Amino acid sequence: MKVLVVDDSKAMRMIVIRTLKQAGISNLTTIEANNGVEALAMVADEKPHAILSDWNMPEMKGIDLLKNLRAGGNDVLFGFVTSECSPEVRKEAEDAGAKFFIVKPFTPGAFEAALSPLLA
């Protein structure tokens, strides 16, 4: 399974990838992007099975990345890994097509709970 991890913090991308591995996601391959603009450019070539994105990033926010993908007809499995957790943010994410929402700080169990039903 190829997962695109999108976050403007290199350290956070490393933590997300490590936590995915700890959650037992099988056949995991990860690729990384610094922001939504970079991620959007990578999606066509890389064809990830899932995208895990931060919400707040420079150049293009995660929600704008999701909206751009959906507007272009891309229905890749998309979820947020973010500290933004207000009901309004969650609703906007769901309305745009996000399938899961993992709040920082997180545990391997949070990844397993969010992703296992979607990968079954």
Protein backbone atom coordinates (compact mmCIF):
# COMPACT_ATOMS: atom_id res chain seq x y z
CA MET A 1 0.00 0.00 0.00
CA LYS A 2 1.46 3.33 -1.07
CA VAL A 3 0.71 6.22 1.30
CA LEU A 4 1.46 9.87 0.58
CA VAL A 5 2.19 11.75 3.83
CA VAL A 6 1.71 15.51 3.47
CA ASP A 7 2.98 17.84 6.20
CA ASP A 8 5.17 20.94 6.19
CA SER A 9 7.16 19.50 9.11
CA LYS A 10 9.75 16.87 8.15
CA ALA A 11 9.79 15.67 11.77
CA MET A 12 6.01 15.18 11.76
CA ARG A 13 6.15 13.27 8.46
CA MET A 14 8.72 10.94 10.04
CA ILE A 15 6.52 10.46 13.12
CA VAL A 16 3.44 9.71 10.99
CA ILE A 17 5.38 7.15 8.91
CA ARG A 18 6.81 5.49 12.01
CA THR A 19 3.35 5.34 13.58
CA LEU A 20 1.85 3.81 10.42
CA LYS A 21 4.46 1.05 10.63
CA GLN A 22 3.75 0.55 14.35
CA ALA A 23 0.03 0.28 13.52
CA GLY A 24 0.82 -2.77 11.42
CA ILE A 25 -0.24 -1.42 8.02
CA SER A 26 0.88 -4.21 5.69
CA ASN A 27 2.98 -3.82 2.53
CA LEU A 28 3.56 -0.16 3.37
CA THR A 29 5.40 2.15 0.99
CA THR A 30 5.49 5.84 1.89
CA ILE A 31 6.16 8.97 -0.10
CA GLU A 32 6.25 12.51 1.24
CA ALA A 33 5.24 16.03 0.27
CA ASN A 34 5.92 19.32 2.06
CA ASN A 35 2.56 20.92 1.23
CA GLY A 36 -0.61 20.60 -0.82
CA VAL A 37 0.91 22.05 -4.00
CA GLU A 38 3.73 19.48 -3.96
CA ALA A 39 1.31 16.68 -3.10
CA LEU A 40 -1.09 17.61 -5.90
CA ALA A 41 1.77 17.47 -8.38
CA MET A 42 2.84 14.03 -7.11
CA VAL A 43 -0.54 12.29 -7.11
CA ALA A 44 -0.84 11.73 -10.86
CA ASP A 45 2.62 10.17 -11.17
CA GLU A 46 2.76 8.28 -7.88
CA LYS A 47 -0.87 7.07 -7.69
CA PRO A 48 -0.97 6.60 -3.90
CA HIS A 49 -3.61 4.32 -2.37
CA ALA A 50 -4.10 6.81 0.47
CA ILE A 51 -3.17 10.36 1.45
CA LEU A 52 -2.62 11.43 5.06
CA SER A 53 -2.48 15.21 5.20
CA ASP A 54 -1.98 17.93 7.75
CA TRP A 55 -4.61 20.69 7.68
CA ASN A 56 -2.49 23.86 8.02
CA MET A 57 0.42 24.17 5.60
CA PRO A 58 1.94 26.99 3.55
CA GLU A 59 1.15 27.30 -0.17
CA MET A 60 -1.91 25.00 -0.04
CA LYS A 61 -3.81 23.76 3.00
CA GLY A 62 -4.79 20.13 3.29
CA ILE A 63 -8.48 20.90 2.80
CA ASP A 64 -7.67 22.71 -0.45
CA LEU A 65 -5.62 19.71 -1.60
CA LEU A 66 -8.61 17.45 -0.93
CA LYS A 67 -11.02 19.78 -2.74
CA ASN A 68 -8.67 20.02 -5.74
CA LEU A 69 -8.36 16.23 -5.94
CA ARG A 70 -12.13 15.69 -5.75
CA ALA A 71 -12.80 18.46 -8.29
CA GLY A 72 -10.43 16.64 -10.64
CA GLY A 73 -12.31 13.38 -10.19
CA ASN A 74 -9.69 11.72 -7.97
CA ASP A 75 -11.33 9.62 -5.24
CA VAL A 76 -8.15 8.46 -3.48
CA LEU A 77 -8.60 7.49 0.18
CA PHE A 78 -7.92 10.76 2.00
CA GLY A 79 -7.70 11.57 5.69
CA PHE A 80 -6.34 14.24 7.96
CA VAL A 81 -3.67 13.95 10.63
CA THR A 82 -3.92 17.30 12.35
CA SER A 83 -4.24 19.23 15.58
CA GLU A 84 -7.28 21.03 14.11
CA CYS A 85 -10.22 19.26 15.71
CA SER A 86 -13.15 21.65 16.00
CA PRO A 87 -16.57 20.35 14.93
CA GLU A 88 -16.55 22.88 12.06
CA VAL A 89 -13.20 21.61 10.75
CA ARG A 90 -14.35 17.99 11.00
CA LYS A 91 -17.59 18.78 9.13
CA GLU A 92 -15.73 20.65 6.39
CA ALA A 93 -13.37 17.68 6.00
CA GLU A 94 -16.22 15.17 5.83
CA ASP A 95 -18.22 17.32 3.41
CA ALA A 96 -15.17 17.55 1.13
CA GLY A 97 -14.74 13.76 1.11
CA ALA A 98 -12.26 12.95 3.88
CA LYS A 99 -12.71 9.38 5.13
CA PHE A 100 -10.95 9.72 8.49
CA PHE A 101 -9.63 12.28 10.92
CA ILE A 102 -6.73 11.54 13.28
CA VAL A 103 -6.01 14.19 15.90
CA LYS A 104 -2.45 15.00 17.03
CA PRO A 105 -1.05 13.77 19.33
CA PHE A 106 -1.88 10.27 18.12
CA THR A 107 -1.05 6.64 18.82
CA PRO A 108 -0.59 3.60 16.57
CA GLY A 109 -4.02 2.52 17.81
CA ALA A 110 -5.59 5.68 16.39
CA PHE A 111 -4.13 4.87 12.96
CA GLU A 112 -5.23 1.25 13.19
CA ALA A 113 -8.77 2.24 14.24
CA ALA A 114 -9.09 4.81 11.45
CA LEU A 115 -7.51 2.78 8.63
CA SER A 116 -8.31 -0.88 9.30
CA PRO A 117 -12.02 -0.63 8.39
CA LEU A 118 -11.14 1.26 5.20
CA LEU A 119 -8.44 -1.21 4.12
CA ALA A 120 -10.40 -4.41 4.83
